[in-house]
PDB file of all heavy atoms in Angstrom:
ATOM      1  N   VAL A   1      69.927  80.373  39.103  1.00  0.00           N
ATOM      2  CA  VAL A   1      71.076  81.228  38.811  1.00  0.00           C
ATOM      3  C   VAL A   1      72.355  80.504  38.681  1.00  0.00           C
ATOM      4  O   VAL A   1      73.422  81.122  38.364  1.00  0.00           O
ATOM      5  CB  VAL A   1      71.174  82.347  39.884  1.00  0.00           C
ATOM      6  CG1 VAL A   1      69.933  83.144  39.945  1.00  0.00           C
ATOM      7  CG2 VAL A   1      71.427  81.722  41.236  1.00  0.00           C
ATOM      8  N   MET A   2      72.302  79.219  38.792  1.00  0.00           N
ATOM      9  CA  MET A   2      73.525  78.338  38.659  1.00  0.00           C
ATOM     10  C   MET A   2      73.030  77.125  37.881  1.00  0.00           C
ATOM     11  O   MET A   2      72.013  76.547  38.251  1.00  0.00           O
ATOM     12  CB  MET A   2      74.148  78.021  39.932  1.00  0.00           C
ATOM     13  CG  MET A   2      75.486  77.392  39.861  1.00  0.00           C
ATOM     14  SD  MET A   2      76.224  77.208  41.582  1.00  0.00           S
ATOM     15  CE  MET A   2      76.638  78.917  41.927  1.00  0.00           C
ATOM     16  N   GLN A   3      73.827  76.665  36.884  1.00  0.00           N
ATOM     17  CA  GLN A   3      73.335  75.494  36.075  1.00  0.00           C
ATOM     18  C   GLN A   3      74.187  74.303  36.142  1.00  0.00           C
ATOM     19  O   GLN A   3      73.828  73.238  35.741  1.00  0.00           O
ATOM     20  CB  GLN A   3      73.240  76.009  34.617  1.00  0.00           C
ATOM     21  CG  GLN A   3      72.232  77.047  34.275  1.00  0.00           C
ATOM     22  CD  GLN A   3      72.724  78.416  34.716  1.00  0.00           C
ATOM     23  OE1 GLN A   3      73.857  78.857  34.466  1.00  0.00           O
ATOM     24  NE2 GLN A   3      71.849  79.173  35.376  1.00  0.00           N
ATOM     25  N   SER A   4      75.417  74.495  36.708  1.00  0.00           N
ATOM     26  CA  SER A   4      76.331  73.391  36.691  1.00  0.00           C
ATOM     27  C   SER A   4      77.300  73.521  37.930  1.00  0.00           C
ATOM     28  O   SER A   4      77.565  74.633  38.358  1.00  0.00           O
ATOM     29  CB  SER A   4      77.165  73.312  35.376  1.00  0.00           C
ATOM     30  OG  SER A   4      78.086  72.280  35.398  1.00  0.00           O
ATOM     31  N   GLY A   5      77.702  72.396  38.431  1.00  0.00           N
ATOM     32  CA  GLY A   5      78.658  72.434  39.559  1.00  0.00           C
ATOM     33  C   GLY A   5      79.335  71.128  39.810  1.00  0.00           C
ATOM     34  O   GLY A   5      78.923  70.089  39.181  1.00  0.00           O
ATOM     35  N   PHE A   6      80.342  71.117  40.625  1.00  0.00           N
ATOM     36  CA  PHE A   6      81.087  69.875  40.937  1.00  0.00           C
ATOM     37  C   PHE A   6      81.756  70.048  42.267  1.00  0.00           C
ATOM     38  O   PHE A   6      82.429  70.998  42.542  1.00  0.00           O
ATOM     39  CB  PHE A   6      82.201  69.618  39.826  1.00  0.00           C
ATOM     40  CG  PHE A   6      82.824  68.276  40.064  1.00  0.00           C
ATOM     41  CD1 PHE A   6      82.206  67.115  39.527  1.00  0.00           C
ATOM     42  CD2 PHE A   6      84.041  68.150  40.664  1.00  0.00           C
ATOM     43  CE1 PHE A   6      82.821  65.906  39.702  1.00  0.00           C
ATOM     44  CE2 PHE A   6      84.633  66.933  40.805  1.00  0.00           C
ATOM     45  CZ  PHE A   6      84.072  65.805  40.313  1.00  0.00           C
ATOM     46  N   TRP A   7      81.413  68.981  43.141  1.00  0.00           N
ATOM     47  CA  TRP A   7      82.036  69.048  44.469  1.00  0.00           C
ATOM     48  C   TRP A   7      83.374  68.253  44.466  1.00  0.00           C
ATOM     49  O   TRP A   7      83.470  67.278  43.794  1.00  0.00           O
ATOM     50  CB  TRP A   7      81.082  68.227  45.458  1.00  0.00           C
ATOM     51  CG  TRP A   7      79.850  68.937  45.913  1.00  0.00           C
ATOM     52  CD1 TRP A   7      78.596  68.667  45.477  1.00  0.00           C
ATOM     53  CD2 TRP A   7      79.719  69.927  46.909  1.00  0.00           C
ATOM     54  NE1 TRP A   7      77.662  69.452  46.175  1.00  0.00           N
ATOM     55  CE2 TRP A   7      78.363  70.259  47.028  1.00  0.00           C
ATOM     56  CE3 TRP A   7      80.632  70.583  47.719  1.00  0.00           C
ATOM     57  CZ2 TRP A   7      77.920  71.220  47.963  1.00  0.00           C
ATOM     58  CZ3 TRP A   7      80.200  71.533  48.663  1.00  0.00           C
ATOM     59  CH2 TRP A   7      78.845  71.877  48.727  1.00  0.00           C
ATOM     60  N   HIS A   8      84.377  68.795  45.111  1.00  0.00           N
ATOM     61  CA  HIS A   8      85.593  68.095  45.335  1.00  0.00           C
ATOM     62  C   HIS A   8      86.083  68.301  46.747  1.00  0.00           C
ATOM     63  O   HIS A   8      85.787  69.385  47.371  1.00  0.00           O
ATOM     64  CB  HIS A   8      86.673  68.528  44.343  1.00  0.00           C
ATOM     65  CG  HIS A   8      87.141  69.907  44.542  1.00  0.00           C
ATOM     66  ND1 HIS A   8      86.510  70.961  44.026  1.00  0.00           N
ATOM     67  CD2 HIS A   8      88.214  70.426  45.230  1.00  0.00           C
ATOM     68  CE1 HIS A   8      87.135  72.140  44.397  1.00  0.00           C
ATOM     69  NE2 HIS A   8      88.199  71.802  45.121  1.00  0.00           N
ATOM     70  N   GLN A   9      86.773  67.295  47.293  1.00  0.00           N
ATOM     71  CA  GLN A   9      87.213  67.376  48.670  1.00  0.00           C
ATOM     72  C   GLN A   9      88.534  68.149  48.715  1.00  0.00           C
ATOM     73  O   GLN A   9      89.370  68.050  47.839  1.00  0.00           O
ATOM     74  CB  GLN A   9      87.465  65.997  49.225  1.00  0.00           C
ATOM     75  CG  GLN A   9      87.705  66.005  50.726  1.00  0.00           C
ATOM     76  CD  GLN A   9      87.664  64.634  51.400  1.00  0.00           C
ATOM     77  OE1 GLN A   9      87.218  63.641  50.767  1.00  0.00           O
ATOM     78  NE2 GLN A   9      88.059  64.483  52.651  1.00  0.00           N
ATOM     79  N   PHE A  10      88.650  69.043  49.674  1.00  0.00           N
ATOM     80  CA  PHE A  10      89.840  69.819  49.927  1.00  0.00           C
ATOM     81  C   PHE A  10      91.124  68.975  49.851  1.00  0.00           C
ATOM     82  O   PHE A  10      91.229  67.878  50.468  1.00  0.00           O
ATOM     83  CB  PHE A  10      89.844  70.570  51.229  1.00  0.00           C
ATOM     84  CG  PHE A  10      91.138  71.179  51.585  1.00  0.00           C
ATOM     85  CD1 PHE A  10      91.585  72.406  51.010  1.00  0.00           C
ATOM     86  CD2 PHE A  10      91.949  70.643  52.587  1.00  0.00           C
ATOM     87  CE1 PHE A  10      92.782  72.945  51.380  1.00  0.00           C
ATOM     88  CE2 PHE A  10      93.170  71.210  52.921  1.00  0.00           C
ATOM     89  CZ  PHE A  10      93.599  72.367  52.308  1.00  0.00           C
ATOM     90  N   ALA A  11      92.097  69.357  49.086  1.00  0.00           N
ATOM     91  CA  ALA A  11      93.379  68.703  49.020  1.00  0.00           C
ATOM     92  C   ALA A  11      94.502  69.699  49.430  1.00  0.00           C
ATOM     93  O   ALA A  11      94.543  70.815  48.957  1.00  0.00           O
ATOM     94  CB  ALA A  11      93.665  68.232  47.579  1.00  0.00           C
ATOM     95  N   LEU A  12      95.345  69.253  50.302  1.00  0.00           N
ATOM     96  CA  LEU A  12      96.463  70.132  50.779  1.00  0.00           C
ATOM     97  C   LEU A  12      97.653  70.051  49.929  1.00  0.00           C
ATOM     98  O   LEU A  12      98.083  68.970  49.589  1.00  0.00           O
ATOM     99  CB  LEU A  12      96.842  69.691  52.247  1.00  0.00           C
ATOM    100  CG  LEU A  12      98.032  70.400  52.869  1.00  0.00           C
ATOM    101  CD1 LEU A  12      97.701  71.898  53.092  1.00  0.00           C
ATOM    102  CD2 LEU A  12      98.438  69.749  54.227  1.00  0.00           C
ATOM    103  N   THR A  13      98.084  71.212  49.387  1.00  0.00           N
ATOM    104  CA  THR A  13      99.227  71.180  48.502  1.00  0.00           C
ATOM    105  C   THR A  13     100.376  71.938  49.186  1.00  0.00           C
ATOM    106  O   THR A  13     100.207  72.816  49.967  1.00  0.00           O
ATOM    107  CB  THR A  13      98.845  71.897  47.164  1.00  0.00           C
ATOM    108  OG1 THR A  13      98.463  73.250  47.419  1.00  0.00           O
ATOM    109  CG2 THR A  13      97.774  71.121  46.423  1.00  0.00           C
ATOM    110  N   ALA A  14     101.600  71.533  48.788  1.00  0.00           N
ATOM    111  CA  ALA A  14     102.749  71.981  49.459  1.00  0.00           C
ATOM    112  C   ALA A  14     103.059  73.470  49.296  1.00  0.00           C
ATOM    113  O   ALA A  14     103.636  74.108  50.179  1.00  0.00           O
ATOM    114  CB  ALA A  14     104.036  71.163  48.944  1.00  0.00           C
ATOM    115  N   HIS A  15     102.539  74.080  48.214  1.00  0.00           N
ATOM    116  CA  HIS A  15     102.921  75.424  47.834  1.00  0.00           C
ATOM    117  C   HIS A  15     101.871  76.451  48.129  1.00  0.00           C
ATOM    118  O   HIS A  15     101.923  77.614  47.715  1.00  0.00           O
ATOM    119  CB  HIS A  15     103.357  75.499  46.401  1.00  0.00           C
ATOM    120  CG  HIS A  15     104.310  74.393  45.977  1.00  0.00           C
ATOM    121  ND1 HIS A  15     105.588  74.390  46.510  1.00  0.00           N
ATOM    122  CD2 HIS A  15     104.172  73.330  45.174  1.00  0.00           C
ATOM    123  CE1 HIS A  15     106.226  73.320  45.984  1.00  0.00           C
ATOM    124  NE2 HIS A  15     105.412  72.696  45.218  1.00  0.00           N
ATOM    125  N   SER A  16     100.760  76.037  48.750  1.00  0.00           N
ATOM    126  CA  SER A  16      99.667  76.889  49.156  1.00  0.00           C
ATOM    127  C   SER A  16      99.940  77.504  50.514  1.00  0.00           C
ATOM    128  O   SER A  16     100.724  77.025  51.327  1.00  0.00           O
ATOM    129  CB  SER A  16      98.352  76.106  49.192  1.00  0.00           C
ATOM    130  OG  SER A  16      98.387  75.198  50.251  1.00  0.00           O
ATOM    131  N   PRO A  17      99.249  78.596  50.864  1.00  0.00           N
ATOM    132  CA  PRO A  17      99.400  79.153  52.215  1.00  0.00           C
ATOM    133  C   PRO A  17      99.061  78.158  53.329  1.00  0.00           C
ATOM    134  O   PRO A  17      99.685  78.184  54.396  1.00  0.00           O
ATOM    135  CB  PRO A  17      98.419  80.324  52.200  1.00  0.00           C
ATOM    136  CG  PRO A  17      98.435  80.794  50.802  1.00  0.00           C
ATOM    137  CD  PRO A  17      98.535  79.534  49.954  1.00  0.00           C
ATOM    138  N   VAL A  18      98.029  77.257  53.091  1.00  0.00           N
ATOM    139  CA  VAL A  18      97.717  76.317  54.110  1.00  0.00           C
ATOM    140  C   VAL A  18      98.854  75.291  54.222  1.00  0.00           C
ATOM    141  O   VAL A  18      99.295  74.950  55.352  1.00  0.00           O
ATOM    142  CB  VAL A  18      96.416  75.578  53.743  1.00  0.00           C
ATOM    143  CG1 VAL A  18      96.076  74.562  54.838  1.00  0.00           C
ATOM    144  CG2 VAL A  18      95.251  76.528  53.561  1.00  0.00           C
ATOM    145  N   GLY A  19      99.446  74.870  53.117  1.00  0.00           N
ATOM    146  CA  GLY A  19     100.535  73.958  53.117  1.00  0.00           C
ATOM    147  C   GLY A  19     101.797  74.522  53.799  1.00  0.00           C
ATOM    148  O   GLY A  19     102.628  73.861  54.432  1.00  0.00           O
ATOM    149  N   LEU A  20     102.020  75.803  53.540  1.00  0.00           N
ATOM    150  CA  LEU A  20     103.190  76.485  54.044  1.00  0.00           C
ATOM    151  C   LEU A  20     103.078  76.841  55.523  1.00  0.00           C
ATOM    152  O   LEU A  20     104.096  77.042  56.214  1.00  0.00           O
ATOM    153  CB  LEU A  20     103.522  77.701  53.196  1.00  0.00           C
ATOM    154  CG  LEU A  20     103.858  77.464  51.768  1.00  0.00           C
ATOM    155  CD1 LEU A  20     103.948  78.850  50.966  1.00  0.00           C
ATOM    156  CD2 LEU A  20     105.201  76.771  51.615  1.00  0.00           C
ATOM    157  N   ASN A  21     101.850  76.972  56.028  1.00  0.00           N
ATOM    158  CA  ASN A  21     101.642  77.340  57.406  1.00  0.00           C
ATOM    159  C   ASN A  21     100.474  76.561  57.982  1.00  0.00           C
ATOM    160  O   ASN A  21      99.460  77.073  58.379  1.00  0.00           O
ATOM    161  CB  ASN A  21     101.330  78.888  57.521  1.00  0.00           C
ATOM    162  CG  ASN A  21     101.325  79.362  58.917  1.00  0.00           C
ATOM    163  OD1 ASN A  21     101.845  78.705  59.828  1.00  0.00           O
ATOM    164  ND2 ASN A  21     100.728  80.481  59.133  1.00  0.00           N
ATOM    165  N   PRO A  22     100.619  75.266  58.077  1.00  0.00           N
ATOM    166  CA  PRO A  22      99.478  74.386  58.498  1.00  0.00           C
ATOM    167  C   PRO A  22      98.960  74.676  59.914  1.00  0.00           C
ATOM    168  O   PRO A  22      97.783  74.476  60.151  1.00  0.00           O
ATOM    169  CB  PRO A  22     100.047  72.969  58.362  1.00  0.00           C
ATOM    170  CG  PRO A  22     101.568  73.110  58.459  1.00  0.00           C
ATOM    171  CD  PRO A  22     101.836  74.460  57.859  1.00  0.00           C
ATOM    172  N   ASP A  23      99.823  75.066  60.827  1.00  0.00           N
ATOM    173  CA  ASP A  23      99.346  75.291  62.164  1.00  0.00           C
ATOM    174  C   ASP A  23      98.293  76.343  62.214  1.00  0.00           C
ATOM    175  O   ASP A  23      97.362  76.280  63.116  1.00  0.00           O
ATOM    176  CB  ASP A  23     100.550  75.740  63.074  1.00  0.00           C
ATOM    177  CG  ASP A  23     101.501  74.588  63.353  1.00  0.00           C
ATOM    178  OD1 ASP A  23     101.082  73.418  63.167  1.00  0.00           O
ATOM    179  OD2 ASP A  23     102.641  74.833  63.772  1.00  0.00           O
ATOM    180  N   ALA A  24      98.388  77.308  61.391  1.00  0.00           N
ATOM    181  CA  ALA A  24      97.442  78.424  61.399  1.00  0.00           C
ATOM    182  C   ALA A  24      96.042  77.983  60.962  1.00  0.00           C
ATOM    183  O   ALA A  24      95.065  78.686  61.134  1.00  0.00           O
ATOM    184  CB  ALA A  24      97.872  79.577  60.476  1.00  0.00           C
ATOM    185  N   TYR A  25      95.944  76.834  60.335  1.00  0.00           N
ATOM    186  CA  TYR A  25      94.674  76.237  59.861  1.00  0.00           C
ATOM    187  C   TYR A  25      94.272  75.032  60.602  1.00  0.00           C
ATOM    188  O   TYR A  25      93.287  74.355  60.150  1.00  0.00           O
ATOM    189  CB  TYR A  25      94.729  76.059  58.351  1.00  0.00           C
ATOM    190  CG  TYR A  25      95.036  77.324  57.624  1.00  0.00           C
ATOM    191  CD1 TYR A  25      96.312  77.793  57.336  1.00  0.00           C
ATOM    192  CD2 TYR A  25      93.939  78.128  57.110  1.00  0.00           C
ATOM    193  CE1 TYR A  25      96.598  78.977  56.668  1.00  0.00           C
ATOM    194  CE2 TYR A  25      94.200  79.288  56.460  1.00  0.00           C
ATOM    195  CZ  TYR A  25      95.499  79.701  56.253  1.00  0.00           C
ATOM    196  OH  TYR A  25      95.749  80.928  55.585  1.00  0.00           O
ATOM    197  N   GLY A  26      94.909  74.708  61.670  1.00  0.00           N
ATOM    198  CA  GLY A  26      94.459  73.622  62.512  1.00  0.00           C
ATOM    199  C   GLY A  26      94.612  72.226  61.936  1.00  0.00           C
ATOM    200  O   GLY A  26      93.844  71.308  62.162  1.00  0.00           O
ATOM    201  N   ILE A  27      95.693  72.024  61.137  1.00  0.00           N
ATOM    202  CA  ILE A  27      95.929  70.729  60.532  1.00  0.00           C
ATOM    203  C   ILE A  27      97.331  70.283  60.846  1.00  0.00           C
ATOM    204  O   ILE A  27      98.245  71.074  61.115  1.00  0.00           O
ATOM    205  CB  ILE A  27      95.647  70.699  59.011  1.00  0.00           C
ATOM    206  CG1 ILE A  27      96.623  71.652  58.329  1.00  0.00           C
ATOM    207  CG2 ILE A  27      94.251  70.980  58.705  1.00  0.00           C
ATOM    208  CD1 ILE A  27      96.551  71.575  56.797  1.00  0.00           C
ATOM    209  N   GLN A  28      97.529  68.949  60.741  1.00  0.00           N
ATOM    210  CA  GLN A  28      98.893  68.408  60.987  1.00  0.00           C
ATOM    211  C   GLN A  28      99.266  67.619  59.743  1.00  0.00           C
ATOM    212  O   GLN A  28      98.726  66.547  59.462  1.00  0.00           O
ATOM    213  CB  GLN A  28      98.812  67.430  62.165  1.00  0.00           C
ATOM    214  CG  GLN A  28     100.186  66.795  62.554  1.00  0.00           C
ATOM    215  CD  GLN A  28     101.166  67.881  62.976  1.00  0.00           C
ATOM    216  OE1 GLN A  28     100.851  68.710  63.819  1.00  0.00           O
ATOM    217  NE2 GLN A  28     102.379  67.780  62.527  1.00  0.00           N
ATOM    218  N   PRO A  29     100.254  68.136  58.964  1.00  0.00           N
ATOM    219  CA  PRO A  29     100.688  67.366  57.760  1.00  0.00           C
ATOM    220  C   PRO A  29     101.466  66.080  58.140  1.00  0.00           C
ATOM    221  O   PRO A  29     102.047  66.029  59.190  1.00  0.00           O
ATOM    222  CB  PRO A  29     101.614  68.366  57.109  1.00  0.00           C
ATOM    223  CG  PRO A  29     101.393  69.701  57.745  1.00  0.00           C
ATOM    224  CD  PRO A  29     100.957  69.387  59.135  1.00  0.00           C
ATOM    225  N   VAL A  30     101.406  65.159  57.259  1.00  0.00           N
ATOM    226  CA  VAL A  30     102.281  63.935  57.317  1.00  0.00           C
ATOM    227  C   VAL A  30     103.515  64.219  56.510  1.00  0.00           C
ATOM    228  O   VAL A  30     103.441  64.372  55.279  1.00  0.00           O
ATOM    229  CB  VAL A  30     101.498  62.739  56.765  1.00  0.00           C
ATOM    230  CG1 VAL A  30     102.453  61.523  56.811  1.00  0.00           C
ATOM    231  CG2 VAL A  30     100.273  62.459  57.616  1.00  0.00           C
ATOM    232  N   HIS A  31     104.675  64.303  57.164  1.00  0.00           N
ATOM    233  CA  HIS A  31     105.866  64.610  56.495  1.00  0.00           C
ATOM    234  C   HIS A  31     106.640  63.387  56.040  1.00  0.00           C
ATOM    235  O   HIS A  31     106.857  62.468  56.770  1.00  0.00           O
ATOM    236  CB  HIS A  31     106.846  65.415  57.424  1.00  0.00           C
ATOM    237  CG  HIS A  31     106.250  66.775  57.773  1.00  0.00           C
ATOM    238  ND1 HIS A  31     106.183  67.808  56.824  1.00  0.00           N
ATOM    239  CD2 HIS A  31     105.749  67.265  58.915  1.00  0.00           C
ATOM    240  CE1 HIS A  31     105.664  68.894  57.433  1.00  0.00           C
ATOM    241  NE2 HIS A  31     105.381  68.560  58.664  1.00  0.00           N
ATOM    242  N   ASN A  32     107.011  63.373  54.744  1.00  0.00           N
ATOM    243  CA  ASN A  32     107.660  62.227  54.171  1.00  0.00           C
ATOM    244  C   ASN A  32     108.999  62.728  53.556  1.00  0.00           C
ATOM    245  O   ASN A  32     109.180  63.942  53.294  1.00  0.00           O
ATOM    246  CB  ASN A  32     106.900  61.543  53.046  1.00  0.00           C
ATOM    247  CG  ASN A  32     105.611  60.919  53.560  1.00  0.00           C
ATOM    248  OD1 ASN A  32     105.645  60.317  54.624  1.00  0.00           O
ATOM    249  ND2 ASN A  32     104.557  61.131  52.800  1.00  0.00           N
ATOM    250  N   ASP A  33     109.934  61.869  53.436  1.00  0.00           N
ATOM    251  CA  ASP A  33     111.242  62.225  52.751  1.00  0.00           C
ATOM    252  C   ASP A  33     110.900  62.409  51.282  1.00  0.00           C
ATOM    253  O   ASP A  33     110.257  61.583  50.655  1.00  0.00           O
ATOM    254  CB  ASP A  33     112.262  61.114  52.930  1.00  0.00           C
ATOM    255  CG  ASP A  33     112.726  60.929  54.357  1.00  0.00           C
ATOM    256  OD1 ASP A  33     112.685  62.003  55.096  1.00  0.00           O
ATOM    257  OD2 ASP A  33     113.163  59.917  54.757  1.00  0.00           O
ATOM    258  N   ILE A  34     111.373  63.546  50.745  1.00  0.00           N
ATOM    259  CA  ILE A  34     111.044  63.912  49.365  1.00  0.00           C
ATOM    260  C   ILE A  34     112.313  63.763  48.489  1.00  0.00           C
ATOM    261  O   ILE A  34     113.309  64.499  48.754  1.00  0.00           O
ATOM    262  CB  ILE A  34     110.520  65.355  49.210  1.00  0.00           C
ATOM    263  CG1 ILE A  34     109.337  65.513  50.220  1.00  0.00           C
ATOM    264  CG2 ILE A  34     110.108  65.659  47.814  1.00  0.00           C
ATOM    265  CD1 ILE A  34     108.114  64.692  49.927  1.00  0.00           C
ATOM    266  N   SER A  35     112.245  62.912  47.499  1.00  0.00           N
ATOM    267  CA  SER A  35     113.285  62.871  46.481  1.00  0.00           C
ATOM    268  C   SER A  35     112.774  62.951  45.058  1.00  0.00           C
ATOM    269  O   SER A  35     113.507  63.072  44.135  1.00  0.00           O
ATOM    270  CB  SER A  35     114.079  61.545  46.606  1.00  0.00           C
ATOM    271  OG  SER A  35     113.227  60.421  46.442  1.00  0.00           O
ATOM    272  N   PHE A  36     111.391  62.876  45.002  1.00  0.00           N
ATOM    273  CA  PHE A  36     110.804  62.980  43.666  1.00  0.00           C
ATOM    274  C   PHE A  36     109.677  64.007  43.719  1.00  0.00           C
ATOM    275  O   PHE A  36     109.896  65.199  43.716  1.00  0.00           O
ATOM    276  CB  PHE A  36     110.329  61.609  43.225  1.00  0.00           C
ATOM    277  CG  PHE A  36     109.857  61.524  41.721  1.00  0.00           C
ATOM    278  CD1 PHE A  36     110.708  61.975  40.718  1.00  0.00           C
ATOM    279  CD2 PHE A  36     108.622  61.074  41.469  1.00  0.00           C
ATOM    280  CE1 PHE A  36     110.285  61.909  39.406  1.00  0.00           C
ATOM    281  CE2 PHE A  36     108.178  61.020  40.131  1.00  0.00           C
ATOM    282  CZ  PHE A  36     109.020  61.396  39.098  1.00  0.00           C
ATOM    283  N   ALA A  37     108.440  63.558  43.675  1.00  0.00           N
ATOM    284  CA  ALA A  37     107.268  64.435  43.590  1.00  0.00           C
ATOM    285  C   ALA A  37     106.864  64.974  45.017  1.00  0.00           C
ATOM    286  O   ALA A  37     106.907  64.214  45.985  1.00  0.00           O
ATOM    287  CB  ALA A  37     106.127  63.701  42.974  1.00  0.00           C
ATOM    288  N   ASN A  38     106.428  66.228  45.081  1.00  0.00           N
ATOM    289  CA  ASN A  38     106.007  66.827  46.334  1.00  0.00           C
ATOM    290  C   ASN A  38     104.950  67.844  46.008  1.00  0.00           C
ATOM    291  O   ASN A  38     105.315  69.005  45.668  1.00  0.00           O
ATOM    292  CB  ASN A  38     107.167  67.398  47.067  1.00  0.00           C
ATOM    293  CG  ASN A  38     106.707  68.012  48.352  1.00  0.00           C
ATOM    294  OD1 ASN A  38     105.777  67.598  48.982  1.00  0.00           O
ATOM    295  ND2 ASN A  38     107.418  69.101  48.797  1.00  0.00           N
TER     296      ASN A  38
END
C-alpha cells in the first residue's frame, strides 16, 4: 500500500511550535547571537 519513502532526522526550526516553545517538548536549544540566518 506504499511504494516509496524517505527517512529524515527531525530538525528543529526557529518558527515551528517546537522551536517557539522547546520546554514543552523536552529539548534544550543552543542559543547563538543572530545577525544573519536563523
